[in-house]
């Protein structure tokens, strides 16, 4: 994938638009619920939230797909990785919560789950640094 080599004003424009989208009422409510209430301790917890009858399903789908879309902008060279890494804490925190279960989640029927945010972490020093910091705060406790 082409990595954007230098940040420019279009990065700021995209980041500000992404920020603005996060302020939409339903998205804000979904983000709040997911960050507070979604603390999976097992693969079963992650799979359960993917089911339509789970109380957090709508929030999970909305927020996870939002961050995957945004990370896709980085993966495809639209947004500079370090600019995104500095501004995507919530996406990184969500990935911290699911990362211990992602390999099994992919094996069990969601082969593309969280591929874009994982790619960003692998290709952005800033995102990787923040991901590692968030692991200490948000990693599911066994």
N, C-alpha and C. Protein backbone atom coordinates (compact mmCIF):
# COMPACT_ATOMS: atom_id res chain seq x y z
N UNK A 1 0.83 -1.19 0.00
CA UNK A 1 0.00 0.00 0.00
C UNK A 1 0.88 1.25 0.00
N UNK A 2 0.41 2.29 -0.67
CA UNK A 2 1.20 3.53 -0.70
C UNK A 2 1.04 4.31 0.60
N UNK A 3 2.15 4.55 1.25
CA UNK A 3 2.12 5.34 2.49
C UNK A 3 2.37 6.79 2.12
N UNK A 4 1.53 7.67 2.58
CA UNK A 4 1.71 9.09 2.32
C UNK A 4 2.99 9.54 2.97
N UNK A 5 3.88 10.14 2.19
CA UNK A 5 5.21 10.48 2.68
C UNK A 5 5.28 11.73 3.52
N UNK A 6 4.50 12.75 3.18
CA UNK A 6 4.57 14.01 3.89
C UNK A 6 3.18 14.52 4.22
N UNK A 7 2.98 14.96 5.45
CA UNK A 7 1.68 15.54 5.78
C UNK A 7 1.49 16.88 5.08
N UNK A 8 0.24 17.21 4.80
CA UNK A 8 -0.07 18.50 4.21
C UNK A 8 -1.44 18.95 4.71
N UNK A 9 -1.93 20.03 4.17
CA UNK A 9 -3.18 20.59 4.68
C UNK A 9 -4.38 19.68 4.44
N UNK A 10 -4.31 18.79 3.47
CA UNK A 10 -5.43 17.87 3.28
C UNK A 10 -5.56 16.90 4.46
N UNK A 11 -4.45 16.57 5.10
CA UNK A 11 -4.51 15.72 6.29
C UNK A 11 -5.32 16.41 7.37
N UNK A 12 -5.05 17.68 7.58
CA UNK A 12 -5.78 18.44 8.60
C UNK A 12 -7.27 18.49 8.24
N UNK A 13 -7.57 18.68 6.98
CA UNK A 13 -8.96 18.74 6.55
C UNK A 13 -9.68 17.42 6.81
N UNK A 14 -9.05 16.31 6.48
CA UNK A 14 -9.66 15.00 6.71
C UNK A 14 -9.82 14.74 8.21
N UNK A 15 -8.80 15.02 8.98
CA UNK A 15 -8.87 14.79 10.43
C UNK A 15 -9.99 15.63 11.04
N UNK A 16 -10.12 16.89 10.62
CA UNK A 16 -11.19 17.74 11.14
C UNK A 16 -12.57 17.22 10.72
N UNK A 17 -12.68 16.72 9.51
CA UNK A 17 -13.96 16.13 9.07
C UNK A 17 -14.28 14.88 9.87
N UNK A 18 -13.27 14.05 10.12
CA UNK A 18 -13.49 12.86 10.94
C UNK A 18 -13.92 13.25 12.34
N UNK A 19 -13.29 14.28 12.89
CA UNK A 19 -13.66 14.77 14.21
C UNK A 19 -15.11 15.26 14.21
N UNK A 20 -15.48 15.99 13.18
CA UNK A 20 -16.84 16.50 13.08
C UNK A 20 -17.85 15.35 13.03
N UNK A 21 -17.55 14.32 12.27
CA UNK A 21 -18.44 13.15 12.20
C UNK A 21 -18.60 12.48 13.56
N UNK A 22 -17.56 12.50 14.36
CA UNK A 22 -17.62 11.89 15.70
C UNK A 22 -18.58 12.63 16.62
N UNK A 23 -18.90 13.88 16.28
CA UNK A 23 -19.78 14.69 17.12
C UNK A 23 -21.26 14.48 16.83
N UNK A 24 -21.59 13.81 15.75
CA UNK A 24 -22.98 13.53 15.41
C UNK A 24 -23.62 12.79 16.60
N UNK A 25 -24.88 13.09 16.92
CA UNK A 25 -25.50 12.64 18.17
C UNK A 25 -25.50 11.12 18.35
N UNK A 26 -25.91 10.37 17.35
CA UNK A 26 -25.95 8.91 17.49
C UNK A 26 -24.54 8.35 17.60
N UNK A 27 -23.64 8.90 16.81
CA UNK A 27 -22.24 8.44 16.87
C UNK A 27 -21.65 8.74 18.25
N UNK A 28 -21.90 9.91 18.76
CA UNK A 28 -21.38 10.28 20.08
C UNK A 28 -21.91 9.34 21.15
N UNK A 29 -23.19 9.04 21.10
CA UNK A 29 -23.79 8.12 22.07
C UNK A 29 -23.19 6.72 21.92
N UNK A 30 -23.02 6.27 20.69
CA UNK A 30 -22.44 4.94 20.44
C UNK A 30 -21.01 4.87 20.93
N UNK A 31 -20.24 5.90 20.67
CA UNK A 31 -18.84 5.94 21.12
C UNK A 31 -18.78 5.89 22.64
N UNK A 32 -19.61 6.68 23.28
CA UNK A 32 -19.62 6.72 24.74
C UNK A 32 -19.97 5.35 25.32
N UNK A 33 -21.03 4.75 24.81
CA UNK A 33 -21.44 3.43 25.32
C UNK A 33 -20.35 2.39 25.10
N UNK A 34 -19.78 2.38 23.92
CA UNK A 34 -18.80 1.35 23.61
C UNK A 34 -17.55 1.51 24.46
N UNK A 35 -17.09 2.72 24.63
CA UNK A 35 -15.88 2.93 25.44
C UNK A 35 -16.12 2.58 26.91
N UNK A 36 -17.33 2.83 27.41
CA UNK A 36 -17.63 2.54 28.82
C UNK A 36 -18.03 1.08 29.05
N UNK A 37 -18.86 0.54 28.17
CA UNK A 37 -19.51 -0.74 28.44
C UNK A 37 -18.88 -1.95 27.74
N UNK A 38 -18.09 -1.74 26.74
CA UNK A 38 -17.52 -2.87 25.99
C UNK A 38 -16.12 -3.15 26.50
N UNK A 39 -16.03 -4.17 27.32
CA UNK A 39 -14.76 -4.58 27.90
C UNK A 39 -14.66 -6.10 27.81
N UNK A 40 -14.45 -6.62 26.60
CA UNK A 40 -14.48 -8.07 26.41
C UNK A 40 -13.36 -8.78 27.17
N UNK A 41 -13.72 -9.91 27.71
CA UNK A 41 -12.76 -10.74 28.43
C UNK A 41 -12.48 -12.05 27.69
N UNK A 42 -13.21 -12.26 26.59
CA UNK A 42 -13.05 -13.51 25.84
C UNK A 42 -13.51 -13.29 24.39
N UNK A 43 -13.17 -14.25 23.56
CA UNK A 43 -13.64 -14.23 22.18
C UNK A 43 -15.17 -14.26 22.16
N UNK A 44 -15.77 -15.02 23.05
CA UNK A 44 -17.23 -15.10 23.12
C UNK A 44 -17.85 -13.72 23.35
N UNK A 45 -17.21 -12.89 24.16
CA UNK A 45 -17.71 -11.53 24.40
C UNK A 45 -17.67 -10.70 23.11
N UNK A 46 -16.60 -10.85 22.34
CA UNK A 46 -16.48 -10.09 21.08
C UNK A 46 -17.48 -10.61 20.06
N UNK A 47 -17.62 -11.92 19.97
CA UNK A 47 -18.58 -12.50 19.03
C UNK A 47 -20.01 -12.13 19.42
N UNK A 48 -20.30 -12.08 20.71
CA UNK A 48 -21.65 -11.76 21.17
C UNK A 48 -22.07 -10.36 20.74
N UNK A 49 -21.18 -9.40 20.85
CA UNK A 49 -21.52 -8.02 20.50
C UNK A 49 -21.77 -7.88 18.99
N UNK A 50 -21.30 -8.84 18.22
CA UNK A 50 -21.55 -8.84 16.78
C UNK A 50 -22.92 -9.36 16.40
N UNK A 51 -23.65 -9.88 17.34
CA UNK A 51 -25.00 -10.41 17.08
C UNK A 51 -26.03 -9.30 17.21
N UNK A 52 -27.01 -9.31 16.30
CA UNK A 52 -28.00 -8.24 16.22
C UNK A 52 -28.78 -8.01 17.51
N UNK A 53 -28.96 -9.04 18.32
CA UNK A 53 -29.76 -8.87 19.53
C UNK A 53 -28.96 -8.37 20.74
N UNK A 54 -27.66 -8.18 20.57
CA UNK A 54 -26.84 -7.69 21.69
C UNK A 54 -27.10 -6.19 21.88
N UNK A 55 -27.22 -5.75 23.14
CA UNK A 55 -27.52 -4.34 23.39
C UNK A 55 -26.47 -3.35 22.86
N UNK A 56 -25.23 -3.80 22.67
CA UNK A 56 -24.19 -2.92 22.14
C UNK A 56 -23.92 -3.13 20.66
N UNK A 57 -24.72 -3.95 20.00
CA UNK A 57 -24.43 -4.28 18.60
C UNK A 57 -24.38 -3.06 17.70
N UNK A 58 -25.36 -2.20 17.80
CA UNK A 58 -25.40 -1.01 16.92
C UNK A 58 -24.19 -0.12 17.20
N UNK A 59 -23.90 0.11 18.46
CA UNK A 59 -22.75 0.94 18.82
C UNK A 59 -21.45 0.30 18.32
N UNK A 60 -21.31 -0.99 18.50
CA UNK A 60 -20.11 -1.70 18.06
C UNK A 60 -19.93 -1.60 16.55
N UNK A 61 -20.99 -1.86 15.81
CA UNK A 61 -20.89 -1.79 14.34
C UNK A 61 -20.57 -0.37 13.89
N UNK A 62 -21.22 0.61 14.49
CA UNK A 62 -21.01 1.99 14.08
C UNK A 62 -19.58 2.45 14.37
N UNK A 63 -19.11 2.20 15.57
CA UNK A 63 -17.80 2.71 15.98
C UNK A 63 -16.67 1.91 15.33
N UNK A 64 -16.78 0.60 15.31
CA UNK A 64 -15.70 -0.20 14.71
C UNK A 64 -15.60 0.06 13.21
N UNK A 65 -16.73 0.18 12.52
CA UNK A 65 -16.66 0.45 11.08
C UNK A 65 -16.16 1.87 10.81
N UNK A 66 -16.51 2.82 11.68
CA UNK A 66 -16.00 4.19 11.54
C UNK A 66 -14.48 4.20 11.60
N UNK A 67 -13.91 3.55 12.64
CA UNK A 67 -12.45 3.57 12.78
C UNK A 67 -11.76 2.75 11.71
N UNK A 68 -12.39 1.69 11.24
CA UNK A 68 -11.80 0.93 10.13
C UNK A 68 -11.80 1.77 8.85
N UNK A 69 -12.89 2.51 8.61
CA UNK A 69 -12.94 3.40 7.46
C UNK A 69 -11.85 4.46 7.55
N UNK A 70 -11.75 5.09 8.71
CA UNK A 70 -10.76 6.15 8.89
C UNK A 70 -9.34 5.60 8.73
N UNK A 71 -9.06 4.43 9.30
CA UNK A 71 -7.74 3.82 9.16
C UNK A 71 -7.47 3.43 7.70
N UNK A 72 -8.51 3.10 6.98
CA UNK A 72 -8.36 2.80 5.55
C UNK A 72 -7.84 4.01 4.77
N UNK A 73 -8.19 5.21 5.20
CA UNK A 73 -7.67 6.41 4.55
C UNK A 73 -6.15 6.46 4.66
N UNK A 74 -5.63 6.00 5.76
CA UNK A 74 -4.18 5.97 5.98
C UNK A 74 -3.57 4.86 5.12
N UNK A 75 -4.17 3.70 5.18
CA UNK A 75 -3.67 2.54 4.45
C UNK A 75 -3.57 2.80 2.95
N UNK A 76 -4.47 3.62 2.43
CA UNK A 76 -4.49 3.89 0.99
C UNK A 76 -3.84 5.23 0.61
N UNK A 77 -3.07 5.79 1.54
CA UNK A 77 -2.27 6.96 1.21
C UNK A 77 -3.01 8.28 1.20
N UNK A 78 -4.19 8.33 1.77
CA UNK A 78 -4.98 9.56 1.77
C UNK A 78 -4.59 10.46 2.95
N UNK A 79 -4.28 9.84 4.08
CA UNK A 79 -3.90 10.57 5.29
C UNK A 79 -2.54 10.07 5.76
N UNK A 80 -1.71 10.99 6.17
CA UNK A 80 -0.38 10.65 6.66
C UNK A 80 -0.50 9.82 7.95
N UNK A 81 0.24 8.72 8.06
CA UNK A 81 0.11 7.82 9.22
C UNK A 81 0.38 8.48 10.57
N UNK A 82 1.37 9.35 10.64
CA UNK A 82 1.71 9.96 11.94
C UNK A 82 0.65 10.98 12.36
N UNK A 83 0.09 11.70 11.40
CA UNK A 83 -1.00 12.64 11.72
C UNK A 83 -2.19 11.85 12.25
N UNK A 84 -2.52 10.78 11.59
CA UNK A 84 -3.63 9.94 12.05
C UNK A 84 -3.31 9.34 13.42
N UNK A 85 -2.11 8.83 13.58
CA UNK A 85 -1.71 8.21 14.84
C UNK A 85 -1.86 9.14 16.03
N UNK A 86 -1.65 10.42 15.80
CA UNK A 86 -1.78 11.41 16.86
C UNK A 86 -3.24 11.73 17.18
N UNK A 87 -4.16 11.33 16.30
CA UNK A 87 -5.55 11.76 16.43
C UNK A 87 -6.57 10.63 16.44
N UNK A 88 -6.12 9.42 16.67
CA UNK A 88 -7.06 8.28 16.60
C UNK A 88 -7.06 7.46 17.88
N UNK A 89 -6.93 8.10 19.00
CA UNK A 89 -6.84 7.38 20.28
C UNK A 89 -7.98 6.40 20.47
N UNK A 90 -9.17 6.82 20.18
CA UNK A 90 -10.32 5.95 20.40
C UNK A 90 -10.27 4.69 19.55
N UNK A 91 -9.84 4.82 18.30
CA UNK A 91 -9.69 3.64 17.45
C UNK A 91 -8.64 2.70 17.98
N UNK A 92 -7.57 3.26 18.51
CA UNK A 92 -6.51 2.44 19.10
C UNK A 92 -6.99 1.75 20.37
N UNK A 93 -7.77 2.46 21.18
CA UNK A 93 -8.30 1.87 22.41
C UNK A 93 -9.26 0.73 22.08
N UNK A 94 -10.10 0.93 21.10
CA UNK A 94 -10.99 -0.15 20.69
C UNK A 94 -10.18 -1.37 20.25
N UNK A 95 -9.12 -1.14 19.48
CA UNK A 95 -8.31 -2.26 19.04
C UNK A 95 -7.60 -2.94 20.22
N UNK A 96 -7.15 -2.17 21.19
CA UNK A 96 -6.55 -2.76 22.39
C UNK A 96 -7.55 -3.74 23.03
N UNK A 97 -8.82 -3.33 23.09
CA UNK A 97 -9.82 -4.17 23.73
C UNK A 97 -10.06 -5.48 22.98
N UNK A 98 -9.99 -5.46 21.66
CA UNK A 98 -10.30 -6.67 20.89
C UNK A 98 -9.07 -7.43 20.44
N UNK A 99 -7.92 -6.81 20.44
CA UNK A 99 -6.71 -7.39 19.86
C UNK A 99 -6.37 -8.79 20.39
N UNK A 100 -6.54 -9.08 21.68
CA UNK A 100 -6.23 -10.43 22.15
C UNK A 100 -7.08 -11.52 21.48
N UNK A 101 -8.20 -11.11 20.88
CA UNK A 101 -9.15 -12.07 20.32
C UNK A 101 -9.26 -11.98 18.79
N UNK A 102 -8.52 -11.07 18.18
CA UNK A 102 -8.67 -10.81 16.76
C UNK A 102 -8.31 -12.01 15.89
N UNK A 103 -7.24 -12.69 16.18
CA UNK A 103 -6.86 -13.84 15.35
C UNK A 103 -7.97 -14.88 15.31
N UNK A 104 -8.52 -15.20 16.47
CA UNK A 104 -9.62 -16.18 16.55
C UNK A 104 -10.90 -15.63 15.92
N UNK A 105 -11.15 -14.34 16.08
CA UNK A 105 -12.31 -13.71 15.46
C UNK A 105 -12.22 -13.84 13.94
N UNK A 106 -11.05 -13.62 13.40
CA UNK A 106 -10.85 -13.76 11.96
C UNK A 106 -11.03 -15.21 11.52
N UNK A 107 -10.54 -16.13 12.29
CA UNK A 107 -10.70 -17.56 11.98
C UNK A 107 -12.15 -18.00 12.04
N UNK A 108 -12.91 -17.41 12.94
CA UNK A 108 -14.28 -17.86 13.17
C UNK A 108 -15.32 -17.21 12.26
N UNK A 109 -14.88 -16.46 11.28
CA UNK A 109 -15.85 -15.93 10.32
C UNK A 109 -15.78 -14.46 10.00
N UNK A 110 -14.84 -13.74 10.58
CA UNK A 110 -14.68 -12.31 10.27
C UNK A 110 -13.24 -12.06 9.81
N UNK A 111 -12.87 -12.58 8.63
CA UNK A 111 -11.47 -12.56 8.22
C UNK A 111 -10.86 -11.17 8.03
N UNK A 112 -11.69 -10.16 7.86
CA UNK A 112 -11.17 -8.81 7.63
C UNK A 112 -11.27 -7.91 8.86
N UNK A 113 -11.71 -8.47 9.97
CA UNK A 113 -11.93 -7.67 11.18
C UNK A 113 -10.67 -6.92 11.60
N UNK A 114 -10.80 -5.62 11.73
CA UNK A 114 -9.78 -4.73 12.28
C UNK A 114 -8.47 -4.75 11.49
N UNK A 115 -8.51 -5.09 10.22
CA UNK A 115 -7.29 -5.13 9.40
C UNK A 115 -6.69 -3.74 9.20
N UNK A 116 -7.52 -2.74 9.00
CA UNK A 116 -6.99 -1.40 8.71
C UNK A 116 -6.33 -0.76 9.93
N UNK A 117 -6.96 -0.83 11.09
CA UNK A 117 -6.35 -0.22 12.28
C UNK A 117 -5.08 -0.98 12.65
N UNK A 118 -5.07 -2.28 12.44
CA UNK A 118 -3.85 -3.05 12.68
C UNK A 118 -2.74 -2.61 11.73
N UNK A 119 -3.10 -2.36 10.49
CA UNK A 119 -2.12 -1.89 9.50
C UNK A 119 -1.53 -0.56 9.94
N UNK A 120 -2.37 0.35 10.42
CA UNK A 120 -1.88 1.65 10.87
C UNK A 120 -0.88 1.47 12.00
N UNK A 121 -1.17 0.61 12.95
CA UNK A 121 -0.27 0.39 14.08
C UNK A 121 1.07 -0.17 13.59
N UNK A 122 1.02 -1.02 12.59
CA UNK A 122 2.25 -1.60 12.04
C UNK A 122 3.07 -0.60 11.24
N UNK A 123 2.43 0.44 10.72
CA UNK A 123 3.12 1.37 9.81
C UNK A 123 3.27 2.79 10.34
N UNK A 124 2.85 3.04 11.56
CA UNK A 124 2.98 4.37 12.14
C UNK A 124 3.63 4.26 13.51
N UNK A 125 4.79 4.88 13.65
CA UNK A 125 5.47 4.87 14.94
C UNK A 125 4.62 5.53 16.01
N UNK A 126 3.94 6.61 15.67
CA UNK A 126 3.10 7.32 16.64
C UNK A 126 1.92 6.45 17.08
N UNK A 127 1.25 5.81 16.14
CA UNK A 127 0.13 4.94 16.49
C UNK A 127 0.61 3.76 17.33
N UNK A 128 1.74 3.19 16.97
CA UNK A 128 2.29 2.05 17.72
C UNK A 128 2.63 2.45 19.15
N UNK A 129 3.26 3.62 19.30
CA UNK A 129 3.62 4.12 20.63
C UNK A 129 2.36 4.31 21.49
N UNK A 130 1.35 4.94 20.92
CA UNK A 130 0.11 5.18 21.67
C UNK A 130 -0.62 3.87 21.95
N UNK A 131 -0.62 2.96 20.99
CA UNK A 131 -1.24 1.65 21.20
C UNK A 131 -0.60 0.95 22.39
N UNK A 132 0.71 0.97 22.47
CA UNK A 132 1.41 0.33 23.58
C UNK A 132 1.08 1.01 24.91
N UNK A 133 0.96 2.32 24.91
CA UNK A 133 0.57 3.02 26.14
C UNK A 133 -0.85 2.65 26.56
N UNK A 134 -1.75 2.57 25.59
CA UNK A 134 -3.15 2.24 25.89
C UNK A 134 -3.31 0.79 26.34
N UNK A 135 -2.41 -0.07 25.92
CA UNK A 135 -2.50 -1.46 26.36
C UNK A 135 -2.44 -1.55 27.88
N UNK A 136 -1.58 -0.77 28.48
CA UNK A 136 -1.44 -0.81 29.94
C UNK A 136 -2.72 -0.32 30.64
N UNK A 137 -3.45 0.56 29.99
CA UNK A 137 -4.66 1.13 30.61
C UNK A 137 -5.94 0.39 30.28
N UNK A 138 -6.00 -0.18 29.08
CA UNK A 138 -7.29 -0.70 28.60
C UNK A 138 -7.30 -2.17 28.24
N UNK A 139 -6.18 -2.86 28.36
CA UNK A 139 -6.14 -4.29 28.01
C UNK A 139 -7.05 -5.06 28.94
N UNK A 140 -7.85 -5.98 28.39
CA UNK A 140 -8.72 -6.77 29.25
C UNK A 140 -7.91 -7.53 30.30
N UNK A 141 -8.39 -7.49 31.52
CA UNK A 141 -7.73 -8.19 32.61
C UNK A 141 -8.27 -9.61 32.68
N UNK A 142 -7.36 -10.56 32.81
CA UNK A 142 -7.77 -11.97 32.86
C UNK A 142 -8.12 -12.39 34.25
